Every structure is written in C-alpha cells, then in structure tokens.
Amino acid sequence: AKAAPVVKKIDPATPLPLLAVQVEGNKRLDRAKITALSGLKPGTPVNQDSFSAAHLALMDTGLFESVAYRFEKPADQEGYIATFEVM
C-alpha cells in the first residue's frame, strides 16, 4: 500500500504569493480583463481576505450574474492559485 501524501495545513489567513488566476464560465471578457477587475496581481502576497475582496470587486462591476471562487495551495509550490467562476 502506498503511504498517504503528507498534507501541510495552511491557515487561510497566511499571506502567500499569488501564483495564478484562473477563470471559468466566462463568455464575454478575456481572463486578463477579469483578473484586472478583481484587483489581484500574480506574484503579490494574498490570503483569504484578498480573495473575498476580489470576489466583491467582480460582483460590484455589475458584469456578472454570479461570481464564485476557490483558492488552493499546490503541494509542490509556495503560494495560492485562485479560480473564479463567473456567470
């Protein structure tokens, strides 16, 4: 039997660099425009509050009926990947 991978728990309040922003469900704007509207910049330190603020910024544009987000920390990298699902 394989040993289970070691999962390092990260407190979502801990700022780590933003590795990438992914966008799903988008039909009208390019990913770069949505990333810019979110206020997030890859390479800058972010945490859960940063993603909440980006979510609010995208909703406040009035361009989307709904915005959902998730963020994850890849096991092999020090940072977060944000994914926004826009409708």
PDB file of N, CA and C in Angstrom:
ATOM      1  N   ALA A   1       0.846  -1.186   0.000  1.00  0.00           N
ATOM      2  CA  ALA A   1       0.000   0.000   0.000  1.00  0.00           C
ATOM      3  C   ALA A   1       0.881   1.235   0.000  1.00  0.00           C
ATOM      4  N   LYS A   2       0.449   2.230  -0.766  1.00  0.00           N
ATOM      5  CA  LYS A   2       1.192   3.488  -0.818  1.00  0.00           C
ATOM      6  C   LYS A   2       0.912   4.306   0.439  1.00  0.00           C
ATOM      7  N   ALA A   3       1.910   5.001   0.888  1.00  0.00           N
ATOM      8  CA  ALA A   3       1.721   5.909   2.015  1.00  0.00           C
ATOM      9  C   ALA A   3       0.923   7.115   1.538  1.00  0.00           C
ATOM     10  N   ALA A   4       0.043   7.584   2.389  1.00  0.00           N
ATOM     11  CA  ALA A   4      -0.745   8.768   2.050  1.00  0.00           C
ATOM     12  C   ALA A   4       0.186   9.974   1.963  1.00  0.00           C
ATOM     13  N   PRO A   5      -0.071  10.880   1.001  1.00  0.00           N
ATOM     14  CA  PRO A   5       0.782  12.068   0.913  1.00  0.00           C
ATOM     15  C   PRO A   5       0.636  12.925   2.169  1.00  0.00           C
ATOM     16  N   VAL A   6       1.718  13.573   2.511  1.00  0.00           N
ATOM     17  CA  VAL A   6       1.697  14.458   3.670  1.00  0.00           C
ATOM     18  C   VAL A   6       1.013  15.752   3.255  1.00  0.00           C
ATOM     19  N   VAL A   7      -0.026  16.101   3.958  1.00  0.00           N
ATOM     20  CA  VAL A   7      -0.753  17.324   3.658  1.00  0.00           C
ATOM     21  C   VAL A   7      -0.397  18.349   4.722  1.00  0.00           C
ATOM     22  N   LYS A   8       0.193  19.436   4.262  1.00  0.00           N
ATOM     23  CA  LYS A   8       0.587  20.503   5.170  1.00  0.00           C
ATOM     24  C   LYS A   8      -0.566  21.498   5.252  1.00  0.00           C
ATOM     25  N   LYS A   9      -1.130  21.641   6.430  1.00  0.00           N
ATOM     26  CA  LYS A   9      -2.253  22.573   6.602  1.00  0.00           C
ATOM     27  C   LYS A   9      -1.728  24.000   6.628  1.00  0.00           C
ATOM     28  N   ILE A  10      -2.394  24.860   5.883  1.00  0.00           N
ATOM     29  CA  ILE A  10      -2.043  26.276   5.832  1.00  0.00           C
ATOM     30  C   ILE A  10      -3.237  27.068   6.348  1.00  0.00           C
ATOM     31  N   ASP A  11      -2.979  27.981   7.258  1.00  0.00           N
ATOM     32  CA  ASP A  11      -4.029  28.868   7.740  1.00  0.00           C
ATOM     33  C   ASP A  11      -4.397  29.808   6.589  1.00  0.00           C
ATOM     34  N   PRO A  12      -5.697  29.867   6.183  1.00  0.00           N
ATOM     35  CA  PRO A  12      -6.081  30.717   5.045  1.00  0.00           C
ATOM     36  C   PRO A  12      -5.805  32.200   5.265  1.00  0.00           C
ATOM     37  N   ALA A  13      -5.513  32.589   6.509  1.00  0.00           N
ATOM     38  CA  ALA A  13      -5.173  33.990   6.775  1.00  0.00           C
ATOM     39  C   ALA A  13      -3.704  34.279   6.464  1.00  0.00           C
ATOM     40  N   THR A  14      -2.901  33.218   6.278  1.00  0.00           N
ATOM     41  CA  THR A  14      -1.479  33.383   6.000  1.00  0.00           C
ATOM     42  C   THR A  14      -1.267  33.915   4.592  1.00  0.00           C
ATOM     43  N   PRO A  15      -0.620  35.081   4.443  1.00  0.00           N
ATOM     44  CA  PRO A  15      -0.356  35.585   3.091  1.00  0.00           C
ATOM     45  C   PRO A  15       0.722  34.753   2.405  1.00  0.00           C
ATOM     46  N   LEU A  16       0.434  34.361   1.184  1.00  0.00           N
ATOM     47  CA  LEU A  16       1.380  33.655   0.322  1.00  0.00           C
ATOM     48  C   LEU A  16       1.287  34.286  -1.064  1.00  0.00           C
ATOM     49  N   PRO A  17       2.318  34.131  -1.899  1.00  0.00           N
ATOM     50  CA  PRO A  17       2.252  34.722  -3.241  1.00  0.00           C
ATOM     51  C   PRO A  17       1.125  34.127  -4.080  1.00  0.00           C
ATOM     52  N   LEU A  18       0.512  34.978  -4.891  1.00  0.00           N
ATOM     53  CA  LEU A  18      -0.495  34.519  -5.847  1.00  0.00           C
ATOM     54  C   LEU A  18       0.235  33.953  -7.057  1.00  0.00           C
ATOM     55  N   LEU A  19       0.062  32.670  -7.307  1.00  0.00           N
ATOM     56  CA  LEU A  19       0.745  32.003  -8.423  1.00  0.00           C
ATOM     57  C   LEU A  19       0.019  32.224  -9.746  1.00  0.00           C
ATOM     58  N   ALA A  20      -1.308  32.166  -9.712  1.00  0.00           N
ATOM     59  CA  ALA A  20      -2.084  32.282 -10.949  1.00  0.00           C
ATOM     60  C   ALA A  20      -3.542  32.567 -10.629  1.00  0.00           C
ATOM     61  N   VAL A  21      -4.224  33.157 -11.603  1.00  0.00           N
ATOM     62  CA  VAL A  21      -5.672  33.355 -11.530  1.00  0.00           C
ATOM     63  C   VAL A  21      -6.278  32.616 -12.715  1.00  0.00           C
ATOM     64  N   GLN A  22      -7.217  31.729 -12.428  1.00  0.00           N
ATOM     65  CA  GLN A  22      -7.922  31.004 -13.474  1.00  0.00           C
ATOM     66  C   GLN A  22      -9.368  31.492 -13.504  1.00  0.00           C
ATOM     67  N   VAL A  23      -9.960  31.486 -14.687  1.00  0.00           N
ATOM     68  CA  VAL A  23     -11.339  31.938 -14.844  1.00  0.00           C
ATOM     69  C   VAL A  23     -12.118  30.856 -15.580  1.00  0.00           C
ATOM     70  N   GLU A  24     -13.275  30.502 -15.023  1.00  0.00           N
ATOM     71  CA  GLU A  24     -14.155  29.501 -15.637  1.00  0.00           C
ATOM     72  C   GLU A  24     -15.519  30.134 -15.884  1.00  0.00           C
ATOM     73  N   GLY A  25     -16.213  29.648 -16.910  1.00  0.00           N
ATOM     74  CA  GLY A  25     -17.583  30.077 -17.178  1.00  0.00           C
ATOM     75  C   GLY A  25     -17.693  31.388 -17.919  1.00  0.00           C
ATOM     76  N   ASN A  26     -16.592  32.034 -18.189  1.00  0.00           N
ATOM     77  CA  ASN A  26     -16.610  33.341 -18.824  1.00  0.00           C
ATOM     78  C   ASN A  26     -16.917  33.211 -20.319  1.00  0.00           C
ATOM     79  N   LYS A  27     -17.810  34.057 -20.793  1.00  0.00           N
ATOM     80  CA  LYS A  27     -18.151  34.046 -22.216  1.00  0.00           C
ATOM     81  C   LYS A  27     -17.876  35.397 -22.888  1.00  0.00           C
ATOM     82  N   ARG A  28     -17.705  36.472 -22.075  1.00  0.00           N
ATOM     83  CA  ARG A  28     -17.646  37.807 -22.664  1.00  0.00           C
ATOM     84  C   ARG A  28     -16.292  38.505 -22.576  1.00  0.00           C
ATOM     85  N   LEU A  29     -15.583  38.322 -21.486  1.00  0.00           N
ATOM     86  CA  LEU A  29     -14.338  39.058 -21.278  1.00  0.00           C
ATOM     87  C   LEU A  29     -13.156  38.105 -21.258  1.00  0.00           C
ATOM     88  N   ASP A  30     -11.978  38.607 -21.634  1.00  0.00           N
ATOM     89  CA  ASP A  30     -10.822  37.725 -21.559  1.00  0.00           C
ATOM     90  C   ASP A  30     -10.339  37.624 -20.105  1.00  0.00           C
ATOM     91  N   ARG A  31      -9.584  36.566 -19.845  1.00  0.00           N
ATOM     92  CA  ARG A  31      -9.123  36.262 -18.493  1.00  0.00           C
ATOM     93  C   ARG A  31      -8.323  37.423 -17.905  1.00  0.00           C
ATOM     94  N   ALA A  32      -7.488  38.061 -18.710  1.00  0.00           N
ATOM     95  CA  ALA A  32      -6.662  39.173 -18.218  1.00  0.00           C
ATOM     96  C   ALA A  32      -7.541  40.323 -17.724  1.00  0.00           C
ATOM     97  N   LYS A  33      -8.631  40.600 -18.436  1.00  0.00           N
ATOM     98  CA  LYS A  33      -9.541  41.686 -18.039  1.00  0.00           C
ATOM     99  C   LYS A  33     -10.227  41.342 -16.711  1.00  0.00           C
ATOM    100  N   ILE A  34     -10.668  40.089 -16.575  1.00  0.00           N
ATOM    101  CA  ILE A  34     -11.327  39.676 -15.329  1.00  0.00           C
ATOM    102  C   ILE A  34     -10.331  39.720 -14.173  1.00  0.00           C
ATOM    103  N   THR A  35      -9.109  39.281 -14.420  1.00  0.00           N
ATOM    104  CA  THR A  35      -8.070  39.344 -13.383  1.00  0.00           C
ATOM    105  C   THR A  35      -7.837  40.793 -12.969  1.00  0.00           C
ATOM    106  N   ALA A  36      -7.741  41.689 -13.944  1.00  0.00           N
ATOM    107  CA  ALA A  36      -7.537  43.108 -13.636  1.00  0.00           C
ATOM    108  C   ALA A  36      -8.706  43.671 -12.829  1.00  0.00           C
ATOM    109  N   LEU A  37      -9.934  43.322 -13.213  1.00  0.00           N
ATOM    110  CA  LEU A  37     -11.111  43.801 -12.482  1.00  0.00           C
ATOM    111  C   LEU A  37     -11.141  43.287 -11.041  1.00  0.00           C
ATOM    112  N   SER A  38     -10.550  42.115 -10.819  1.00  0.00           N
ATOM    113  CA  SER A  38     -10.545  41.535  -9.466  1.00  0.00           C
ATOM    114  C   SER A  38      -9.589  42.264  -8.537  1.00  0.00           C
ATOM    115  N   GLY A  39      -8.603  42.950  -9.131  1.00  0.00           N
ATOM    116  CA  GLY A  39      -7.597  43.639  -8.325  1.00  0.00           C
ATOM    117  C   GLY A  39      -6.444  42.738  -7.898  1.00  0.00           C
ATOM    118  N   LEU A  40      -6.506  41.459  -8.255  1.00  0.00           N
ATOM    119  CA  LEU A  40      -5.436  40.531  -7.888  1.00  0.00           C
ATOM    120  C   LEU A  40      -4.299  40.611  -8.901  1.00  0.00           C
ATOM    121  N   LYS A  41      -3.066  40.531  -8.397  1.00  0.00           N
ATOM    122  CA  LYS A  41      -1.899  40.557  -9.278  1.00  0.00           C
ATOM    123  C   LYS A  41      -1.003  39.371  -8.943  1.00  0.00           C
ATOM    124  N   PRO A  42      -0.807  38.458  -9.905  1.00  0.00           N
ATOM    125  CA  PRO A  42       0.094  37.336  -9.647  1.00  0.00           C
ATOM    126  C   PRO A  42       1.454  37.831  -9.152  1.00  0.00           C
ATOM    127  N   GLY A  43       1.976  37.117  -8.155  1.00  0.00           N
ATOM    128  CA  GLY A  43       3.256  37.481  -7.552  1.00  0.00           C
ATOM    129  C   GLY A  43       3.121  38.243  -6.252  1.00  0.00           C
ATOM    130  N   THR A  44       1.944  38.866  -6.030  1.00  0.00           N
ATOM    131  CA  THR A  44       1.747  39.620  -4.791  1.00  0.00           C
ATOM    132  C   THR A  44       1.222  38.701  -3.687  1.00  0.00           C
ATOM    133  N   PRO A  45       1.513  39.033  -2.429  1.00  0.00           N
ATOM    134  CA  PRO A  45       1.003  38.212  -1.323  1.00  0.00           C
ATOM    135  C   PRO A  45      -0.515  38.360  -1.186  1.00  0.00           C
ATOM    136  N   VAL A  46      -1.191  37.232  -1.027  1.00  0.00           N
ATOM    137  CA  VAL A  46      -2.646  37.214  -0.869  1.00  0.00           C
ATOM    138  C   VAL A  46      -3.027  36.223   0.222  1.00  0.00           C
ATOM    139  N   ASN A  47      -4.242  36.383   0.730  1.00  0.00           N
ATOM    140  CA  ASN A  47      -4.804  35.424   1.681  1.00  0.00           C
ATOM    141  C   ASN A  47      -6.313  35.384   1.460  1.00  0.00           C
ATOM    142  N   GLN A  48      -7.030  34.722   2.345  1.00  0.00           N
ATOM    143  CA  GLN A  48      -8.476  34.564   2.178  1.00  0.00           C
ATOM    144  C   GLN A  48      -9.180  35.909   2.052  1.00  0.00           C
ATOM    145  N   ASP A  49      -8.754  36.903   2.819  1.00  0.00           N
ATOM    146  CA  ASP A  49      -9.375  38.230   2.733  1.00  0.00           C
ATOM    147  C   ASP A  49      -9.180  38.845   1.339  1.00  0.00           C
ATOM    148  N   SER A  50      -8.027  38.595   0.732  1.00  0.00           N
ATOM    149  CA  SER A  50      -7.754  39.113  -0.618  1.00  0.00           C
ATOM    150  C   SER A  50      -8.740  38.532  -1.623  1.00  0.00           C
ATOM    151  N   PHE A  51      -9.028  37.234  -1.484  1.00  0.00           N
ATOM    152  CA  PHE A  51      -9.945  36.585  -2.416  1.00  0.00           C
ATOM    153  C   PHE A  51     -11.380  37.069  -2.186  1.00  0.00           C
ATOM    154  N   SER A  52     -11.753  37.304  -0.942  1.00  0.00           N
ATOM    155  CA  SER A  52     -13.086  37.846  -0.641  1.00  0.00           C
ATOM    156  C   SER A  52     -13.238  39.235  -1.247  1.00  0.00           C
ATOM    157  N   ALA A  53     -12.199  40.055  -1.130  1.00  0.00           N
ATOM    158  CA  ALA A  53     -12.242  41.405  -1.695  1.00  0.00           C
ATOM    159  C   ALA A  53     -12.317  41.348  -3.226  1.00  0.00           C
ATOM    160  N   ALA A  54     -11.590  40.422  -3.845  1.00  0.00           N
ATOM    161  CA  ALA A  54     -11.626  40.271  -5.298  1.00  0.00           C
ATOM    162  C   ALA A  54     -13.013  39.825  -5.754  1.00  0.00           C
ATOM    163  N   HIS A  55     -13.621  38.912  -5.000  1.00  0.00           N
ATOM    164  CA  HIS A  55     -14.981  38.452  -5.297  1.00  0.00           C
ATOM    165  C   HIS A  55     -15.939  39.639  -5.281  1.00  0.00           C
ATOM    166  N   LEU A  56     -15.866  40.452  -4.241  1.00  0.00           N
ATOM    167  CA  LEU A  56     -16.733  41.624  -4.113  1.00  0.00           C
ATOM    168  C   LEU A  56     -16.480  42.611  -5.258  1.00  0.00           C
ATOM    169  N   ALA A  57     -15.210  42.817  -5.600  1.00  0.00           N
ATOM    170  CA  ALA A  57     -14.873  43.736  -6.690  1.00  0.00           C
ATOM    171  C   ALA A  57     -15.492  43.267  -8.003  1.00  0.00           C
ATOM    172  N   LEU A  58     -15.439  41.965  -8.274  1.00  0.00           N
ATOM    173  CA  LEU A  58     -16.038  41.435  -9.505  1.00  0.00           C
ATOM    174  C   LEU A  58     -17.559  41.560  -9.485  1.00  0.00           C
ATOM    175  N   MET A  59     -18.181  41.278  -8.357  1.00  0.00           N
ATOM    176  CA  MET A  59     -19.649  41.421  -8.258  1.00  0.00           C
ATOM    177  C   MET A  59     -20.054  42.882  -8.432  1.00  0.00           C
ATOM    178  N   ASP A  60     -19.258  43.794  -7.857  1.00  0.00           N
ATOM    179  CA  ASP A  60     -19.587  45.219  -7.921  1.00  0.00           C
ATOM    180  C   ASP A  60     -19.504  45.806  -9.330  1.00  0.00           C
ATOM    181  N   THR A  61     -18.845  45.099 -10.261  1.00  0.00           N
ATOM    182  CA  THR A  61     -18.782  45.605 -11.636  1.00  0.00           C
ATOM    183  C   THR A  61     -20.147  45.566 -12.304  1.00  0.00           C
ATOM    184  N   GLY A  62     -21.029  44.673 -11.835  1.00  0.00           N
ATOM    185  CA  GLY A  62     -22.330  44.511 -12.463  1.00  0.00           C
ATOM    186  C   GLY A  62     -22.271  43.729 -13.776  1.00  0.00           C
ATOM    187  N   LEU A  63     -21.098  43.216 -14.123  1.00  0.00           N
ATOM    188  CA  LEU A  63     -20.934  42.489 -15.385  1.00  0.00           C
ATOM    189  C   LEU A  63     -21.341  41.028 -15.288  1.00  0.00           C
ATOM    190  N   PHE A  64     -21.469  40.515 -14.071  1.00  0.00           N
ATOM    191  CA  PHE A  64     -21.715  39.087 -13.880  1.00  0.00           C
ATOM    192  C   PHE A  64     -22.956  38.865 -13.034  1.00  0.00           C
ATOM    193  N   GLU A  65     -23.702  37.849 -13.408  1.00  0.00           N
ATOM    194  CA  GLU A  65     -24.882  37.460 -12.631  1.00  0.00           C
ATOM    195  C   GLU A  65     -24.447  36.824 -11.307  1.00  0.00           C
ATOM    196  N   SER A  66     -23.370  36.053 -11.370  1.00  0.00           N
ATOM    197  CA  SER A  66     -22.838  35.442 -10.156  1.00  0.00           C
ATOM    198  C   SER A  66     -21.336  35.247 -10.294  1.00  0.00           C
ATOM    199  N   VAL A  67     -20.661  35.249  -9.166  1.00  0.00           N
ATOM    200  CA  VAL A  67     -19.220  35.001  -9.108  1.00  0.00           C
ATOM    201  C   VAL A  67     -18.969  34.067  -7.936  1.00  0.00           C
ATOM    202  N   ALA A  68     -18.324  32.959  -8.212  1.00  0.00           N
ATOM    203  CA  ALA A  68     -17.896  32.044  -7.148  1.00  0.00           C
ATOM    204  C   ALA A  68     -16.382  31.956  -7.235  1.00  0.00           C
ATOM    205  N   TYR A  69     -15.757  31.620  -6.117  1.00  0.00           N
ATOM    206  CA  TYR A  69     -14.301  31.485  -6.158  1.00  0.00           C
ATOM    207  C   TYR A  69     -13.840  30.380  -5.229  1.00  0.00           C
ATOM    208  N   ARG A  70     -12.652  29.905  -5.531  1.00  0.00           N
ATOM    209  CA  ARG A  70     -11.966  28.968  -4.637  1.00  0.00           C
ATOM    210  C   ARG A  70     -10.481  29.248  -4.786  1.00  0.00           C
ATOM    211  N   PHE A  71      -9.737  28.872  -3.770  1.00  0.00           N
ATOM    212  CA  PHE A  71      -8.293  29.011  -3.871  1.00  0.00           C
ATOM    213  C   PHE A  71      -7.653  27.791  -3.266  1.00  0.00           C
ATOM    214  N   GLU A  72      -6.522  27.437  -3.817  1.00  0.00           N
ATOM    215  CA  GLU A  72      -5.828  26.244  -3.361  1.00  0.00           C
ATOM    216  C   GLU A  72      -4.335  26.507  -3.329  1.00  0.00           C
ATOM    217  N   LYS A  73      -3.669  25.736  -2.499  1.00  0.00           N
ATOM    218  CA  LYS A  73      -2.218  25.795  -2.416  1.00  0.00           C
ATOM    219  C   LYS A  73      -1.673  24.485  -2.956  1.00  0.00           C
ATOM    220  N   PRO A  74      -1.006  24.524  -4.119  1.00  0.00           N
ATOM    221  CA  PRO A  74      -0.424  23.301  -4.648  1.00  0.00           C
ATOM    222  C   PRO A  74       0.615  22.738  -3.671  1.00  0.00           C
ATOM    223  N   ALA A  75       0.663  21.433  -3.549  1.00  0.00           N
ATOM    224  CA  ALA A  75       1.568  20.788  -2.591  1.00  0.00           C
ATOM    225  C   ALA A  75       3.030  21.092  -2.887  1.00  0.00           C
ATOM    226  N   ASP A  76       3.350  21.278  -4.165  1.00  0.00           N
ATOM    227  CA  ASP A  76       4.747  21.448  -4.545  1.00  0.00           C
ATOM    228  C   ASP A  76       5.167  22.901  -4.739  1.00  0.00           C
ATOM    229  N   GLN A  77       4.292  23.855  -4.391  1.00  0.00           N
ATOM    230  CA  GLN A  77       4.615  25.270  -4.582  1.00  0.00           C
ATOM    231  C   GLN A  77       4.191  26.072  -3.359  1.00  0.00           C
ATOM    232  N   GLU A  78       4.880  27.166  -3.124  1.00  0.00           N
ATOM    233  CA  GLU A  78       4.566  28.040  -2.001  1.00  0.00           C
ATOM    234  C   GLU A  78       3.746  29.213  -2.541  1.00  0.00           C
ATOM    235  N   GLY A  79       2.446  29.093  -2.492  1.00  0.00           N
ATOM    236  CA  GLY A  79       1.575  30.145  -2.993  1.00  0.00           C
ATOM    237  C   GLY A  79       0.187  29.597  -3.250  1.00  0.00           C
ATOM    238  N   TYR A  80      -0.686  30.470  -3.726  1.00  0.00           N
ATOM    239  CA  TYR A  80      -2.076  30.098  -3.988  1.00  0.00           C
ATOM    240  C   TYR A  80      -2.390  30.220  -5.474  1.00  0.00           C
ATOM    241  N   ILE A  81      -3.323  29.401  -5.927  1.00  0.00           N
ATOM    242  CA  ILE A  81      -3.938  29.541  -7.244  1.00  0.00           C
ATOM    243  C   ILE A  81      -5.406  29.866  -6.986  1.00  0.00           C
ATOM    244  N   ALA A  82      -5.867  30.964  -7.555  1.00  0.00           N
ATOM    245  CA  ALA A  82      -7.264  31.388  -7.403  1.00  0.00           C
ATOM    246  C   ALA A  82      -8.035  31.003  -8.658  1.00  0.00           C
ATOM    247  N   THR A  83      -9.255  30.516  -8.455  1.00  0.00           N
ATOM    248  CA  THR A  83     -10.142  30.217  -9.584  1.00  0.00           C
ATOM    249  C   THR A  83     -11.457  30.949  -9.351  1.00  0.00           C
ATOM    250  N   PHE A  84     -11.849  31.744 -10.331  1.00  0.00           N
ATOM    251  CA  PHE A  84     -13.138  32.441 -10.283  1.00  0.00           C
ATOM    252  C   PHE A  84     -14.045  31.806 -11.326  1.00  0.00           C
ATOM    253  N   GLU A  85     -15.274  31.534 -10.918  1.00  0.00           N
ATOM    254  CA  GLU A  85     -16.280  31.033 -11.846  1.00  0.00           C
ATOM    255  C   GLU A  85     -17.301  32.147 -11.999  1.00  0.00           C
ATOM    256  N   VAL A  86     -17.389  32.685 -13.207  1.00  0.00           N
ATOM    257  CA  VAL A  86     -18.275  33.819 -13.455  1.00  0.00           C
ATOM    258  C   VAL A  86     -19.406  33.401 -14.391  1.00  0.00           C
ATOM    259  N   MET A  87     -20.564  33.968 -14.157  1.00  0.00           N
ATOM    260  CA  MET A  87     -21.735  33.716 -14.991  1.00  0.00           C
ATOM    261  C   MET A  87     -22.377  35.044 -15.342  1.00  0.00           C
TER     262      MET A  87
END
